[in-house]
Amino acid sequence: PAMALLIPVYKLLGSMGLVNSYLGIIIPRMADV
């Protein structure tokens, strides 16, 4: 489920300093199964 990945993805983006940035919303959606 997408909701199960929401918090891990947010923490990962936060550790990379990409929260509140364009890259933070673009990178998780660059590839979709």
PDB file of all heavy atoms in Angstrom:
ATOM      1  N   PRO A   1       0.832  -1.216   0.000  1.00  0.00           N
ATOM      2  CA  PRO A   1       0.000   0.000   0.000  1.00  0.00           C
ATOM      3  C   PRO A   1       0.858   1.254   0.000  1.00  0.00           C
ATOM      4  O   PRO A   1       1.918   1.312   0.628  1.00  0.00           O
ATOM      5  CB  PRO A   1      -0.811  -0.128   1.300  1.00  0.00           C
ATOM      6  CG  PRO A   1      -0.730  -1.571   1.668  1.00  0.00           C
ATOM      7  CD  PRO A   1       0.588  -2.068   1.160  1.00  0.00           C
ATOM      8  N   ALA A   2       0.393   2.255  -0.721  1.00  0.00           N
ATOM      9  CA  ALA A   2       1.141   3.518  -0.790  1.00  0.00           C
ATOM     10  C   ALA A   2       1.249   4.183   0.577  1.00  0.00           C
ATOM     11  O   ALA A   2       2.259   4.822   0.891  1.00  0.00           O
ATOM     12  CB  ALA A   2       0.473   4.451  -1.793  1.00  0.00           C
ATOM     13  N   MET A   3       0.226   4.040   1.401  1.00  0.00           N
ATOM     14  CA  MET A   3       0.256   4.656   2.726  1.00  0.00           C
ATOM     15  C   MET A   3       1.336   4.034   3.612  1.00  0.00           C
ATOM     16  O   MET A   3       1.860   4.693   4.509  1.00  0.00           O
ATOM     17  CB  MET A   3      -1.113   4.513   3.397  1.00  0.00           C
ATOM     18  CG  MET A   3      -2.237   5.246   2.678  1.00  0.00           C
ATOM     19  SD  MET A   3      -1.907   7.013   2.496  1.00  0.00           S
ATOM     20  CE  MET A   3      -1.880   7.495   4.203  1.00  0.00           C
ATOM     21  N   ALA A   4       1.663   2.770   3.360  1.00  0.00           N
ATOM     22  CA  ALA A   4       2.707   2.123   4.151  1.00  0.00           C
ATOM     23  C   ALA A   4       4.080   2.700   3.838  1.00  0.00           C
ATOM     24  O   ALA A   4       5.005   2.579   4.653  1.00  0.00           O
ATOM     25  CB  ALA A   4       2.699   0.616   3.905  1.00  0.00           C
ATOM     26  N   LEU A   5       4.235   3.298   2.652  1.00  0.00           N
ATOM     27  CA  LEU A   5       5.528   3.869   2.250  1.00  0.00           C
ATOM     28  C   LEU A   5       5.603   5.366   2.516  1.00  0.00           C
ATOM     29  O   LEU A   5       6.671   5.960   2.317  1.00  0.00           O
ATOM     30  CB  LEU A   5       5.751   3.623   0.751  1.00  0.00           C
ATOM     31  CG  LEU A   5       5.788   2.159   0.307  1.00  0.00           C
ATOM     32  CD1 LEU A   5       5.905   2.079  -1.213  1.00  0.00           C
ATOM     33  CD2 LEU A   5       6.938   1.422   0.967  1.00  0.00           C
ATOM     34  N   LEU A   6       4.507   5.955   2.948  1.00  0.00           N
ATOM     35  CA  LEU A   6       4.479   7.411   3.099  1.00  0.00           C
ATOM     36  C   LEU A   6       5.494   7.904   4.122  1.00  0.00           C
ATOM     37  O   LEU A   6       6.312   8.799   3.837  1.00  0.00           O
ATOM     38  CB  LEU A   6       3.062   7.853   3.488  1.00  0.00           C
ATOM     39  CG  LEU A   6       2.825   9.357   3.548  1.00  0.00           C
ATOM     40  CD1 LEU A   6       3.065   9.989   2.182  1.00  0.00           C
ATOM     41  CD2 LEU A   6       1.410   9.650   4.024  1.00  0.00           C
ATOM     42  N   ILE A   7       5.474   7.335   5.323  1.00  0.00           N
ATOM     43  CA  ILE A   7       6.390   7.784   6.374  1.00  0.00           C
ATOM     44  C   ILE A   7       7.845   7.443   6.042  1.00  0.00           C
ATOM     45  O   ILE A   7       8.731   8.306   6.203  1.00  0.00           O
ATOM     46  CB  ILE A   7       5.966   7.196   7.731  1.00  0.00           C
ATOM     47  CG1 ILE A   7       4.595   7.753   8.137  1.00  0.00           C
ATOM     48  CG2 ILE A   7       7.010   7.497   8.803  1.00  0.00           C
ATOM     49  CD1 ILE A   7       4.055   7.186   9.434  1.00  0.00           C
ATOM     50  N   PRO A   8       8.170   6.221   5.591  1.00  0.00           N
ATOM     51  CA  PRO A   8       9.576   5.948   5.237  1.00  0.00           C
ATOM     52  C   PRO A   8      10.104   6.874   4.138  1.00  0.00           C
ATOM     53  O   PRO A   8      11.251   7.327   4.212  1.00  0.00           O
ATOM     54  CB  PRO A   8       9.533   4.492   4.754  1.00  0.00           C
ATOM     55  CG  PRO A   8       8.360   3.896   5.440  1.00  0.00           C
ATOM     56  CD  PRO A   8       7.351   4.995   5.512  1.00  0.00           C
ATOM     57  N   VAL A   9       9.277   7.153   3.135  1.00  0.00           N
ATOM     58  CA  VAL A   9       9.721   8.054   2.059  1.00  0.00           C
ATOM     59  C   VAL A   9       9.942   9.457   2.612  1.00  0.00           C
ATOM     60  O   VAL A   9      10.925  10.135   2.253  1.00  0.00           O
ATOM     61  CB  VAL A   9       8.698   8.057   0.913  1.00  0.00           C
ATOM     62  CG1 VAL A   9       9.010   9.162  -0.084  1.00  0.00           C
ATOM     63  CG2 VAL A   9       8.682   6.708   0.202  1.00  0.00           C
ATOM     64  N   TYR A  10       9.054   9.899   3.501  1.00  0.00           N
ATOM     65  CA  TYR A  10       9.208  11.239   4.078  1.00  0.00           C
ATOM     66  C   TYR A  10      10.493  11.327   4.899  1.00  0.00           C
ATOM     67  O   TYR A  10      11.234  12.318   4.813  1.00  0.00           O
ATOM     68  CB  TYR A  10       7.996  11.572   4.940  1.00  0.00           C
ATOM     69  CG  TYR A  10       8.085  12.925   5.605  1.00  0.00           C
ATOM     70  CD1 TYR A  10       7.790  14.081   4.900  1.00  0.00           C
ATOM     71  CD2 TYR A  10       8.491  13.029   6.935  1.00  0.00           C
ATOM     72  CE1 TYR A  10       7.879  15.323   5.506  1.00  0.00           C
ATOM     73  CE2 TYR A  10       8.583  14.268   7.554  1.00  0.00           C
ATOM     74  CZ  TYR A  10       8.278  15.407   6.837  1.00  0.00           C
ATOM     75  OH  TYR A  10       8.373  16.639   7.441  1.00  0.00           O
ATOM     76  N   LYS A  11      10.757  10.298   5.700  1.00  0.00           N
ATOM     77  CA  LYS A  11      11.993  10.308   6.492  1.00  0.00           C
ATOM     78  C   LYS A  11      13.224  10.285   5.593  1.00  0.00           C
ATOM     79  O   LYS A  11      14.222  10.961   5.874  1.00  0.00           O
ATOM     80  CB  LYS A  11      12.003   9.112   7.443  1.00  0.00           C
ATOM     81  CG  LYS A  11      11.006   9.223   8.585  1.00  0.00           C
ATOM     82  CD  LYS A  11      11.151   8.058   9.543  1.00  0.00           C
ATOM     83  CE  LYS A  11      10.229   8.205  10.743  1.00  0.00           C
ATOM     84  NZ  LYS A  11      10.368   7.074  11.709  1.00  0.00           N
ATOM     85  N   LEU A  12      13.168   9.512   4.526  1.00  0.00           N
ATOM     86  CA  LEU A  12      14.300   9.454   3.608  1.00  0.00           C
ATOM     87  C   LEU A  12      14.540  10.802   2.951  1.00  0.00           C
ATOM     88  O   LEU A  12      15.683  11.273   2.867  1.00  0.00           O
ATOM     89  CB  LEU A  12      14.043   8.379   2.543  1.00  0.00           C
ATOM     90  CG  LEU A  12      15.113   8.220   1.462  1.00  0.00           C
ATOM     91  CD1 LEU A  12      16.447   7.825   2.075  1.00  0.00           C
ATOM     92  CD2 LEU A  12      14.671   7.198   0.426  1.00  0.00           C
ATOM     93  N   LEU A  13      13.469  11.445   2.488  1.00  0.00           N
ATOM     94  CA  LEU A  13      13.609  12.761   1.868  1.00  0.00           C
ATOM     95  C   LEU A  13      14.074  13.787   2.892  1.00  0.00           C
ATOM     96  O   LEU A  13      14.859  14.693   2.567  1.00  0.00           O
ATOM     97  CB  LEU A  13      12.278  13.197   1.250  1.00  0.00           C
ATOM     98  CG  LEU A  13      11.783  12.361   0.069  1.00  0.00           C
ATOM     99  CD1 LEU A  13      10.412  12.824  -0.363  1.00  0.00           C
ATOM    100  CD2 LEU A  13      12.761  12.448  -1.098  1.00  0.00           C
ATOM    101  N   GLY A  14      13.601  13.647   4.140  1.00  0.00           N
ATOM    102  CA  GLY A  14      14.050  14.574   5.172  1.00  0.00           C
ATOM    103  C   GLY A  14      15.534  14.425   5.462  1.00  0.00           C
ATOM    104  O   GLY A  14      16.244  15.419   5.672  1.00  0.00           O
ATOM    105  N   SER A  15      16.037  13.191   5.478  1.00  0.00           N
ATOM    106  CA  SER A  15      17.476  12.984   5.713  1.00  0.00           C
ATOM    107  C   SER A  15      18.318  13.506   4.562  1.00  0.00           C
ATOM    108  O   SER A  15      19.486  13.835   4.748  1.00  0.00           O
ATOM    109  CB  SER A  15      17.748  11.486   5.911  1.00  0.00           C
ATOM    110  OG  SER A  15      17.444  10.758   4.726  1.00  0.00           O
ATOM    111  N   MET A  16      17.715  13.593   3.367  1.00  0.00           N
ATOM    112  CA  MET A  16      18.434  14.127   2.207  1.00  0.00           C
ATOM    113  C   MET A  16      18.245  15.626   2.054  1.00  0.00           C
ATOM    114  O   MET A  16      18.805  16.234   1.139  1.00  0.00           O
ATOM    115  CB  MET A  16      17.951  13.417   0.939  1.00  0.00           C
ATOM    116  CG  MET A  16      18.202  11.917   0.931  1.00  0.00           C
ATOM    117  SD  MET A  16      17.402  11.076  -0.457  1.00  0.00           S
ATOM    118  CE  MET A  16      18.232  11.840  -1.847  1.00  0.00           C
ATOM    119  N   GLY A  17      17.434  16.228   2.934  1.00  0.00           N
ATOM    120  CA  GLY A  17      17.203  17.665   2.871  1.00  0.00           C
ATOM    121  C   GLY A  17      16.336  18.085   1.695  1.00  0.00           C
ATOM    122  O   GLY A  17      16.492  19.188   1.164  1.00  0.00           O
ATOM    123  N   LEU A  18      15.414  17.231   1.291  1.00  0.00           N
ATOM    124  CA  LEU A  18      14.581  17.516   0.119  1.00  0.00           C
ATOM    125  C   LEU A  18      13.130  17.822   0.465  1.00  0.00           C
ATOM    126  O   LEU A  18      12.294  17.914  -0.434  1.00  0.00           O
ATOM    127  CB  LEU A  18      14.622  16.323  -0.853  1.00  0.00           C
ATOM    128  CG  LEU A  18      15.997  15.988  -1.427  1.00  0.00           C
ATOM    129  CD1 LEU A  18      15.896  14.763  -2.328  1.00  0.00           C
ATOM    130  CD2 LEU A  18      16.550  17.174  -2.203  1.00  0.00           C
ATOM    131  N   VAL A  19      12.828  17.965   1.773  1.00  0.00           N
ATOM    132  CA  VAL A  19      11.462  18.306   2.164  1.00  0.00           C
ATOM    133  C   VAL A  19      11.172  19.741   1.740  1.00  0.00           C
ATOM    134  O   VAL A  19      12.038  20.622   1.811  1.00  0.00           O
ATOM    135  CB  VAL A  19      11.265  18.117   3.677  1.00  0.00           C
ATOM    136  CG1 VAL A  19       9.851  18.522   4.096  1.00  0.00           C
ATOM    137  CG2 VAL A  19      11.527  16.668   4.055  1.00  0.00           C
ATOM    138  N   ASN A  20       9.931  20.000   1.298  1.00  0.00           N
ATOM    139  CA  ASN A  20       9.504  21.322   0.823  1.00  0.00           C
ATOM    140  C   ASN A  20      10.344  21.794  -0.365  1.00  0.00           C
ATOM    141  O   ASN A  20      10.728  22.966  -0.455  1.00  0.00           O
ATOM    142  CB  ASN A  20       9.571  22.360   1.955  1.00  0.00           C
ATOM    143  CG  ASN A  20       8.578  22.078   3.066  1.00  0.00           C
ATOM    144  OD1 ASN A  20       7.499  21.546   2.819  1.00  0.00           O
ATOM    145  ND2 ASN A  20       8.954  22.417   4.285  1.00  0.00           N
ATOM    146  N   SER A  21      10.619  20.884  -1.266  1.00  0.00           N
ATOM    147  CA  SER A  21      11.361  21.229  -2.480  1.00  0.00           C
ATOM    148  C   SER A  21      10.762  20.474  -3.656  1.00  0.00           C
ATOM    149  O   SER A  21      10.025  19.492  -3.491  1.00  0.00           O
ATOM    150  CB  SER A  21      12.849  20.878  -2.337  1.00  0.00           C
ATOM    151  OG  SER A  21      13.016  19.469  -2.244  1.00  0.00           O
ATOM    152  N   TYR A  22      11.067  20.971  -4.859  1.00  0.00           N
ATOM    153  CA  TYR A  22      10.561  20.301  -6.059  1.00  0.00           C
ATOM    154  C   TYR A  22      11.120  18.885  -6.191  1.00  0.00           C
ATOM    155  O   TYR A  22      10.411  17.959  -6.575  1.00  0.00           O
ATOM    156  CB  TYR A  22      10.907  21.120  -7.297  1.00  0.00           C
ATOM    157  CG  TYR A  22      10.065  22.358  -7.468  1.00  0.00           C
ATOM    158  CD1 TYR A  22      10.641  23.608  -7.604  1.00  0.00           C
ATOM    159  CD2 TYR A  22       8.674  22.261  -7.497  1.00  0.00           C
ATOM    160  CE1 TYR A  22       9.860  24.746  -7.772  1.00  0.00           C
ATOM    161  CE2 TYR A  22       7.884  23.391  -7.653  1.00  0.00           C
ATOM    162  CZ  TYR A  22       8.487  24.633  -7.790  1.00  0.00           C
ATOM    163  OH  TYR A  22       7.711  25.749  -7.957  1.00  0.00           O
ATOM    164  N   LEU A  23      12.398  18.737  -5.870  1.00  0.00           N
ATOM    165  CA  LEU A  23      12.992  17.406  -5.972  1.00  0.00           C
ATOM    166  C   LEU A  23      12.337  16.420  -5.012  1.00  0.00           C
ATOM    167  O   LEU A  23      12.271  15.221  -5.296  1.00  0.00           O
ATOM    168  CB  LEU A  23      14.502  17.480  -5.698  1.00  0.00           C
ATOM    169  CG  LEU A  23      15.357  18.184  -6.753  1.00  0.00           C
ATOM    170  CD1 LEU A  23      16.804  18.231  -6.318  1.00  0.00           C
ATOM    171  CD2 LEU A  23      15.223  17.484  -8.101  1.00  0.00           C
ATOM    172  N   GLY A  24      11.846  16.932  -3.887  1.00  0.00           N
ATOM    173  CA  GLY A  24      11.210  16.052  -2.922  1.00  0.00           C
ATOM    174  C   GLY A  24       9.922  15.424  -3.422  1.00  0.00           C
ATOM    175  O   GLY A  24       9.532  14.348  -2.960  1.00  0.00           O
ATOM    176  N   ILE A  25       9.238  16.085  -4.365  1.00  0.00           N
ATOM    177  CA  ILE A  25       8.022  15.501  -4.922  1.00  0.00           C
ATOM    178  C   ILE A  25       8.271  14.851  -6.279  1.00  0.00           C
ATOM    179  O   ILE A  25       7.483  14.010  -6.719  1.00  0.00           O
ATOM    180  CB  ILE A  25       6.904  16.557  -5.053  1.00  0.00           C
ATOM    181  CG1 ILE A  25       7.354  17.705  -5.953  1.00  0.00           C
ATOM    182  CG2 ILE A  25       6.496  17.062  -3.689  1.00  0.00           C
ATOM    183  CD1 ILE A  25       6.277  18.741  -6.201  1.00  0.00           C
ATOM    184  N   ILE A  26       9.376  15.211  -6.925  1.00  0.00           N
ATOM    185  CA  ILE A  26       9.662  14.665  -8.251  1.00  0.00           C
ATOM    186  C   ILE A  26      10.360  13.311  -8.152  1.00  0.00           C
ATOM    187  O   ILE A  26       9.997  12.354  -8.842  1.00  0.00           O
ATOM    188  CB  ILE A  26      10.507  15.655  -9.069  1.00  0.00           C
ATOM    189  CG1 ILE A  26       9.681  16.897  -9.398  1.00  0.00           C
ATOM    190  CG2 ILE A  26      11.019  15.000 -10.349  1.00  0.00           C
ATOM    191  CD1 ILE A  26      10.481  17.997 -10.072  1.00  0.00           C
ATOM    192  N   ILE A  27      11.362  13.216  -7.286  1.00  0.00           N
ATOM    193  CA  ILE A  27      12.167  11.989  -7.213  1.00  0.00           C
ATOM    194  C   ILE A  27      11.334  10.748  -6.884  1.00  0.00           C
ATOM    195  O   ILE A  27      11.490   9.713  -7.549  1.00  0.00           O
ATOM    196  CB  ILE A  27      13.312  12.175  -6.190  1.00  0.00           C
ATOM    197  CG1 ILE A  27      14.337  13.162  -6.742  1.00  0.00           C
ATOM    198  CG2 ILE A  27      13.981  10.841  -5.878  1.00  0.00           C
ATOM    199  CD1 ILE A  27      15.489  13.459  -5.797  1.00  0.00           C
ATOM    200  N   PRO A  28      10.415  10.784  -5.902  1.00  0.00           N
ATOM    201  CA  PRO A  28       9.650   9.559  -5.623  1.00  0.00           C
ATOM    202  C   PRO A  28       8.750   9.116  -6.775  1.00  0.00           C
ATOM    203  O   PRO A  28       8.324   7.963  -6.811  1.00  0.00           O
ATOM    204  CB  PRO A  28       8.809   9.944  -4.388  1.00  0.00           C
ATOM    205  CG  PRO A  28       9.544  11.066  -3.752  1.00  0.00           C
ATOM    206  CD  PRO A  28      10.139  11.821  -4.893  1.00  0.00           C
ATOM    207  N   ARG A  29       8.450  10.020  -7.710  1.00  0.00           N
ATOM    208  CA  ARG A  29       7.543   9.690  -8.794  1.00  0.00           C
ATOM    209  C   ARG A  29       8.248   9.582 -10.143  1.00  0.00           C
ATOM    210  O   ARG A  29       7.579   9.453 -11.179  1.00  0.00           O
ATOM    211  CB  ARG A  29       6.449  10.756  -8.902  1.00  0.00           C
ATOM    212  CG  ARG A  29       5.611  10.900  -7.660  1.00  0.00           C
ATOM    213  CD  ARG A  29       4.844   9.641  -7.364  1.00  0.00           C
ATOM    214  NE  ARG A  29       3.935   9.293  -8.462  1.00  0.00           N
ATOM    215  CZ  ARG A  29       3.213   8.188  -8.518  1.00  0.00           C
ATOM    216  NH1 ARG A  29       3.328   7.296  -7.541  1.00  0.00           N
ATOM    217  NH2 ARG A  29       2.414   7.955  -9.523  1.00  0.00           N
ATOM    218  N   MET A  30       9.576   9.615 -10.139  1.00  0.00           N
ATOM    219  CA  MET A  30      10.290   9.520 -11.413  1.00  0.00           C
ATOM    220  C   MET A  30      10.106   8.159 -12.062  1.00  0.00           C
ATOM    221  O   MET A  30      10.156   8.035 -13.290  1.00  0.00           O
ATOM    222  CB  MET A  30      11.784   9.816 -11.212  1.00  0.00           C
ATOM    223  CG  MET A  30      12.097  11.276 -11.004  1.00  0.00           C
ATOM    224  SD  MET A  30      13.856  11.649 -11.186  1.00  0.00           S
ATOM    225  CE  MET A  30      14.584  10.506 -10.032  1.00  0.00           C
ATOM    226  N   ALA A  31       9.917   7.135 -11.266  1.00  0.00           N
ATOM    227  CA  ALA A  31       9.686   5.785 -11.790  1.00  0.00           C
ATOM    228  C   ALA A  31       8.516   5.179 -11.039  1.00  0.00           C
ATOM    229  O   ALA A  31       8.459   5.233  -9.806  1.00  0.00           O
ATOM    230  CB  ALA A  31      10.933   4.918 -11.635  1.00  0.00           C
ATOM    231  N   ASP A  32       7.590   4.600 -11.795  1.00  0.00           N
ATOM    232  CA  ASP A  32       6.398   4.014 -11.206  1.00  0.00           C
ATOM    233  C   ASP A  32       6.206   2.613 -11.771  1.00  0.00           C
ATOM    234  O   ASP A  32       6.261   2.410 -12.990  1.00  0.00           O
ATOM    235  CB  ASP A  32       5.174   4.879 -11.516  1.00  0.00           C
ATOM    236  CG  ASP A  32       3.909   4.324 -10.899  1.00  0.00           C
ATOM    237  OD1 ASP A  32       3.781   4.418  -9.667  1.00  0.00           O
ATOM    238  OD2 ASP A  32       3.067   3.803 -11.645  1.00  0.00           O
ATOM    239  N   VAL A  33       5.980   1.652 -10.894  1.00  0.00           N
ATOM    240  CA  VAL A  33       5.850   0.265 -11.333  1.00  0.00           C
ATOM    241  C   VAL A  33       4.630   0.087 -12.242  1.00  0.00           C
ATOM    242  O   VAL A  33       4.685  -0.644 -13.236  1.00  0.00           O
ATOM    243  CB  VAL A  33       5.750  -0.678 -10.122  1.00  0.00           C
ATOM    244  CG1 VAL A  33       5.558  -2.110 -10.580  1.00  0.00           C
ATOM    245  CG2 VAL A  33       6.991  -0.562  -9.252  1.00  0.00           C
TER     246      VAL A  33
END
